[in-house]
Protein backbone atom coordinates (compact mmCIF):
# COMPACT_ATOMS: atom_id res chain seq x y z
CA MET A 1 169.77 85.68 159.58
CA PRO A 2 171.39 86.89 156.34
CA PRO A 3 171.52 90.60 155.61
CA GLY A 4 168.66 92.32 153.83
CA VAL A 5 169.05 93.14 150.18
CA PHE A 6 168.09 96.33 148.38
CA ALA A 7 167.86 96.59 144.60
CA VAL A 8 167.90 99.87 142.69
CA ASP A 9 167.37 100.53 139.01
CA SER A 10 166.21 103.51 137.00
CA GLY A 11 162.57 103.03 137.98
CA ARG A 12 162.33 101.07 141.25
CA LEU A 13 163.63 100.56 144.75
CA ARG A 14 163.14 97.03 146.13
CA TYR A 15 163.94 95.20 149.35
CA GLY A 16 164.02 91.50 150.18
CA CYS A 17 164.93 89.54 153.30
CA PHE A 18 165.56 85.80 153.33
CA HIS A 19 166.05 83.19 156.05
CA GLN A 20 168.33 80.26 155.29
CA GLY A 21 167.16 76.78 156.26
CA GLU A 22 168.94 73.47 155.98
CA GLN A 23 167.98 72.87 152.35
CA SER A 24 166.22 76.02 151.18
CA TRP A 25 165.64 79.73 151.66
CA GLU A 26 162.43 81.33 152.90
CA MET A 27 161.52 84.89 151.94
CA SER A 28 160.32 86.82 154.96
CA ALA A 29 159.89 90.24 153.36
CA TYR A 30 159.66 91.75 149.90
CA GLU A 31 158.77 95.37 149.19
CA GLU A 32 158.83 97.48 146.04
CA PHE A 33 158.53 101.25 145.57
CA ALA A 34 158.44 103.17 142.29
CA LEU A 35 160.99 105.90 141.69
CA ASP A 36 160.55 109.12 139.78
CA GLU A 37 160.94 108.36 136.05
CA GLU A 38 163.72 110.94 135.86
CA ALA A 39 165.38 110.08 139.17
CA PHE A 40 168.61 109.10 137.43
CA ILE A 41 170.56 110.84 134.70
CA PRO A 42 170.99 108.11 132.05
CA GLY A 43 174.48 107.21 130.90
CA PRO A 44 176.38 104.37 129.23
CA LEU A 45 177.58 103.10 132.62
CA GLY A 46 174.65 103.89 134.87
CA GLY A 47 173.85 107.38 136.02
CA SER A 48 173.90 109.74 138.95
CA LEU A 49 170.80 110.79 140.85
CA ARG A 50 169.49 114.14 139.68
CA GLU A 51 168.67 114.99 143.29
CA PRO A 52 169.37 112.78 146.34
CA GLU A 53 165.81 113.36 147.62
CA ARG A 54 164.42 111.38 144.68
CA LEU A 55 165.81 108.23 146.28
CA ARG A 56 165.94 109.36 149.91
CA ALA A 57 162.16 109.82 150.22
CA PRO A 58 161.20 106.37 148.82
CA LEU A 59 163.92 104.74 150.92
CA VAL A 60 162.62 106.32 154.13
CA GLU A 61 159.08 105.28 153.19
CA LEU A 62 160.17 101.70 152.45
CA LEU A 63 162.08 101.40 155.71
CA GLY A 64 158.99 102.56 157.56
CA THR A 65 157.04 99.56 156.26
CA LEU A 66 159.49 96.93 157.51
CA GLY A 67 158.89 97.08 161.25
CA THR A 68 162.53 96.24 161.92
CA GLN A 69 165.85 98.09 161.81
CA VAL A 70 168.19 97.33 158.90
CA SER A 71 171.80 98.05 159.78
CA GLU A 72 173.68 96.28 156.99
CA ALA A 73 172.64 95.15 153.55
CA SER A 74 173.66 94.22 150.05
CA LEU A 75 172.76 96.36 147.06
CA VAL A 76 171.89 94.91 143.64
CA LEU A 77 172.36 97.14 140.59
CA PRO A 78 171.67 96.56 136.88
CA ASP A 79 174.32 94.84 134.77
CA SER A 80 174.71 98.03 132.75
CA TRP A 81 175.69 99.94 135.93
CA LEU A 82 178.12 97.34 137.25
CA ARG A 83 179.93 95.66 134.37
CA LEU A 84 182.08 92.53 134.26
CA ALA A 85 185.17 91.81 132.19
CA VAL A 86 187.82 89.07 132.14
CA VAL A 87 191.45 90.01 131.47
CA GLU A 88 194.38 87.69 130.85
CA THR A 89 198.08 88.13 131.53
CA GLU A 90 201.21 86.06 132.07
CA LYS A 91 202.46 88.22 134.94
CA LEU A 92 200.54 90.10 137.61
CA PRO A 93 201.65 91.57 140.96
CA LYS A 94 200.14 89.61 143.82
CA VAL A 95 198.70 92.47 145.88
CA GLY A 96 198.63 96.21 146.41
CA LYS A 97 198.65 99.31 144.28
CA ALA A 98 200.92 97.80 141.63
CA ARG A 99 198.38 95.03 140.97
CA GLU A 100 195.53 97.53 140.68
CA GLU A 101 197.51 99.72 138.30
CA VAL A 102 198.21 96.75 136.00
CA LEU A 103 194.55 95.69 136.05
CA ARG A 104 193.39 99.24 135.31
CA TRP A 105 195.80 99.46 132.38
CA MET A 106 194.59 96.13 131.00
CA LEU A 107 190.96 97.12 131.46
CA GLN A 108 191.56 100.40 129.61
CA GLN A 109 192.52 98.38 126.51
CA ILE A 110 189.10 96.74 126.25
CA ILE A 111 186.50 99.23 127.54
CA PRO A 112 185.47 102.72 126.32
CA PHE A 113 185.44 104.34 129.79
CA LYS A 114 188.05 106.35 131.71
CA VAL A 115 189.47 103.87 134.21
CA GLU A 116 190.45 106.60 136.66
CA ASP A 117 186.71 107.23 137.23
CA LEU A 118 185.97 103.59 137.99
CA ARG A 119 185.75 101.55 141.15
CA LEU A 120 187.17 98.06 140.65
CA ARG A 121 186.71 94.72 142.37
CA GLU A 122 188.56 91.66 141.14
CA ILE A 123 188.60 87.90 141.57
CA GLU A 124 191.35 85.70 140.19
CA LEU A 125 189.96 82.78 138.23
CA ALA A 126 191.37 79.28 137.78
CA GLN A 127 193.72 78.76 134.85
CA LEU A 128 192.29 76.99 131.82
CA GLN A 129 193.89 73.72 130.79
CA ASN A 130 194.43 74.84 127.21
CA ARG A 131 195.97 78.17 128.33
CA PRO A 132 198.78 77.16 130.69
CA GLY A 133 200.64 79.95 132.44
CA ILE A 134 197.92 82.54 131.70
CA LYS A 135 196.39 84.26 134.70
CA ARG A 136 192.72 85.16 134.28
CA VAL A 137 191.06 87.85 136.41
CA LEU A 138 187.38 88.72 136.59
CA ILE A 139 186.97 92.48 137.10
CA GLY A 140 183.76 94.14 138.21
CA PHE A 141 183.67 97.89 137.56
CA GLY A 142 181.33 100.85 137.87
CA LEU A 143 181.55 104.62 138.12
CA ASP A 144 182.76 105.52 141.59
CA GLN A 145 180.81 108.77 141.92
CA PRO A 146 177.25 107.36 141.58
CA LEU A 147 178.18 104.27 143.64
CA SER A 148 179.43 106.51 146.46
CA GLN A 149 176.29 108.62 146.16
CA LEU A 150 174.08 105.55 146.69
CA GLU A 151 176.18 104.31 149.61
CA GLU A 152 175.96 107.71 151.31
CA LEU A 153 172.16 107.79 151.02
CA PHE A 154 171.87 104.40 152.72
CA ALA A 155 174.43 105.43 155.34
CA GLU A 156 172.20 108.41 156.23
CA GLN A 157 169.60 105.84 157.34
CA GLY A 158 172.15 103.87 159.38
CA ILE A 159 172.61 101.17 156.74
CA ARG A 160 176.05 99.95 155.72
CA ILE A 161 176.18 98.62 152.17
CA GLY A 162 178.72 95.85 152.55
CA ASN A 163 178.23 94.18 149.19
CA LEU A 164 177.61 95.75 145.79
CA VAL A 165 176.61 93.17 143.19
CA ASN A 166 175.14 93.28 139.71
CA GLN A 167 172.10 91.31 138.63
CA SER A 168 174.08 88.59 136.85
CA LEU A 169 176.39 87.77 139.76
CA GLY A 170 173.45 87.83 142.15
CA THR A 171 171.54 85.45 139.89
CA LEU A 172 174.54 83.12 139.55
CA SER A 173 174.77 82.86 143.33
CA ALA A 174 171.05 82.03 143.52
CA VAL A 175 171.23 79.20 140.97
CA ALA A 176 174.79 77.96 141.58
CA HIS A 177 173.63 74.64 143.09
CA ASN A 178 171.96 73.82 139.74
CA LEU A 179 175.29 74.09 137.92
CA GLN A 180 177.44 71.93 140.20
CA ASN A 181 179.22 69.07 138.41
CA VAL A 182 178.23 70.59 135.05
CA GLU A 183 181.15 71.06 132.66
CA LEU A 184 179.63 74.09 130.93
CA GLY A 185 176.63 75.87 132.44
CA VAL A 186 174.79 78.75 130.83
CA VAL A 187 172.63 81.33 132.63
CA VAL A 188 170.68 83.78 130.49
CA LEU A 189 169.13 86.79 132.22
CA LEU A 190 166.57 88.94 130.40
CA ASN A 191 165.13 92.23 131.62
CA GLU A 192 163.98 95.57 130.29
CA ASP A 193 167.52 96.99 130.33
CA GLY A 194 169.04 94.27 128.15
CA TYR A 195 170.22 90.69 128.25
CA SER A 196 173.20 88.99 129.86
CA LEU A 197 174.87 85.67 129.13
CA SER A 198 176.94 84.05 131.89
CA PHE A 199 178.94 80.86 131.31
CA THR A 200 180.35 78.71 134.09
CA TYR A 201 183.07 76.16 133.44
CA ARG A 202 183.48 73.56 136.17
CA ASP A 203 181.59 75.69 138.70
CA GLU A 204 183.44 78.96 137.93
CA LEU A 205 182.39 81.94 135.84
CA VAL A 206 184.44 81.85 132.67
CA LEU A 207 182.68 84.35 130.37
CA HIS A 208 180.09 87.09 130.79
CA ARG A 209 178.45 89.15 128.07
CA HIS A 210 175.95 91.94 128.58
CA ARG A 211 174.08 93.70 125.81
CA PRO A 212 172.26 96.85 126.96
CA LEU A 213 169.14 97.96 125.11
CA ALA A 214 168.52 101.61 124.36
CA ASP A 215 165.60 102.05 121.97
CA GLN A 216 164.37 98.44 121.89
CA SER A 217 162.52 96.31 124.40
CA ILE A 218 163.61 92.78 125.28
CA GLY A 219 160.39 91.45 123.73
CA GLU A 220 160.93 93.16 120.37
CA LEU A 221 164.45 92.07 119.47
CA PRO A 222 164.87 90.73 115.92
CA ALA A 223 165.46 86.98 115.86
CA GLY A 224 168.35 87.35 113.41
CA MET A 225 170.23 89.76 115.66
CA VAL A 226 169.91 87.52 118.73
CA THR A 227 170.84 84.27 116.97
CA ARG A 228 173.84 85.95 115.33
CA ASP A 229 175.01 87.16 118.74
CA LEU A 230 174.49 83.72 120.31
CA ASN A 231 176.35 81.96 117.50
CA LEU A 232 179.30 84.36 117.74
CA THR A 233 179.41 83.76 121.50
CA ARG A 234 179.40 79.98 120.96
CA VAL A 235 182.34 80.26 118.53
CA PHE A 236 184.25 82.41 121.01
CA LEU A 237 183.62 79.85 123.78
CA GLU A 238 184.89 77.02 121.60
CA ASP A 239 188.05 79.00 120.89
CA LEU A 240 188.48 79.78 124.60
CA LEU A 241 187.74 76.35 126.05
CA GLY A 242 188.09 73.87 123.22
CA PRO A 243 185.49 71.12 122.84
CA VAL A 244 183.21 71.19 125.89
CA THR A 245 179.74 69.87 126.57
CA VAL A 246 176.87 72.10 127.60
CA GLY A 247 175.33 70.53 130.69
CA ARG A 248 172.57 72.97 131.59
CA ILE A 249 171.02 76.19 130.30
CA LEU A 250 168.88 78.23 132.68
CA LEU A 251 166.71 80.94 131.13
CA ILE A 252 165.56 83.71 133.45
CA GLY A 253 163.24 86.44 132.23
CA PRO A 254 159.68 87.75 131.84
CA ASP A 255 157.18 85.05 130.84
CA GLU A 256 156.50 86.58 127.44
CA THR A 257 160.18 86.31 126.44
CA LEU A 258 160.73 82.66 127.35
CA ALA A 259 159.29 80.97 124.26
CA PRO A 260 161.31 82.82 121.58
CA TRP A 261 164.50 82.81 123.63
CA SER A 262 164.16 79.08 124.37
CA GLY A 263 164.06 78.43 120.63
CA TRP A 264 167.02 80.70 119.86
CA LEU A 265 169.17 79.21 122.62
CA GLU A 266 168.40 75.62 121.74
CA GLU A 267 169.14 76.31 118.09
CA SER A 268 172.50 77.91 118.91
CA PHE A 269 173.72 75.55 121.65
CA GLY A 270 171.89 72.34 120.76
CA PHE A 271 170.65 71.77 124.30
CA PRO A 272 167.17 72.00 125.87
CA ILE A 273 166.37 75.03 128.02
CA LEU A 274 165.17 75.16 131.62
CA PRO A 275 163.07 78.27 132.37
CA LEU A 276 163.64 79.37 135.96
CA GLU A 277 161.13 78.15 138.56
CA ALA A 278 161.05 78.47 142.35
CA GLN A 279 162.43 74.95 142.73
CA TYR A 280 165.66 75.98 140.99
CA LEU A 281 166.09 78.78 143.52
CA ALA A 282 165.43 76.49 146.51
CA LEU A 283 163.04 79.21 147.64
CA THR A 284 159.96 78.54 149.77
CA GLY A 285 157.24 80.51 151.50
CA SER A 286 155.01 83.25 150.12
CA LEU A 287 156.73 84.86 147.14
CA SER A 288 154.48 87.95 147.18
CA GLY A 289 153.67 87.48 143.50
CA ALA A 290 157.17 88.64 142.55
CA PRO A 291 158.45 87.21 139.23
CA MET A 292 161.26 84.68 139.49
CA HIS A 293 163.58 86.72 137.26
CA GLU A 294 163.32 89.64 139.70
CA LEU A 295 163.68 87.55 142.86
CA ALA A 296 166.75 85.64 141.67
CA PRO A 297 169.39 88.41 141.89
CA VAL A 298 168.02 89.63 145.23
CA LEU A 299 168.09 86.14 146.75
CA GLY A 300 171.57 85.53 145.36
CA ALA A 301 172.91 88.70 146.96
CA ALA A 302 171.56 87.48 150.31
CA ALA A 303 173.47 84.24 149.86
CA GLN A 304 176.73 86.19 149.47
CA ARG A 305 178.15 86.94 152.90
CA ILE A 306 179.03 90.55 153.68
CA PRO A 307 182.73 90.87 154.55
């Protein structure tokens, strides 16, 4: 059985458990508890808990509903708490502290955060054909202090968090089988915190963009702002990859956002949109009424094995 998956954001604590079959996943548990509206101190890269008890109490209550002991789990966090960036270089140490120092220095050139406060995780990507000799590294980063705070709260309950993942990477894992043998795949994730655009090139993440929302809701964004952002992203992709063909666009978000975003995406990329359905997740069983855009990152985290 795969590990359970918790998901935390500024307003909720969720838990899902999934059993893997030969051709699909079955959800065996899904629980959701509201958090205090001011549980977290807001910040540009996530936030710390105001008081540990504001998460500890809901966590203990949630665990009491499960009827089984959870000893290891994954934890899904918003894209604005765990960011992604791709850096490029001709030379990079293979392992060790020297490699991390180079990556931190490169990251400091492109983000407005103090890299000494960040926890990093990196994956080396395949080289692009039109950029020979250039190493490309995907870096996931978040503030170490609030991440450690969350891990410690779960550890108090005997739970080891073996995998920290953001919503976009969790979602990509959940829908990856839909993007196989597609030259350029696009996954668009919409939620109340913002929107994220993930592009896969020959089955590998090649570009990720996240736009957090502060004073706007995802359903109230001006059409001109979104289409301008999508068109700029398309131009950047063409410069990065050269002429490529979009093979599939998956749109994942609240029902009320799907119609306008489908139009904007099709206008910008010239390709029809597939709104996410259970069949694209290969997910069966009772789904507890949970929306697909909320289940996707939780299921995807379950599909990622804990090291």
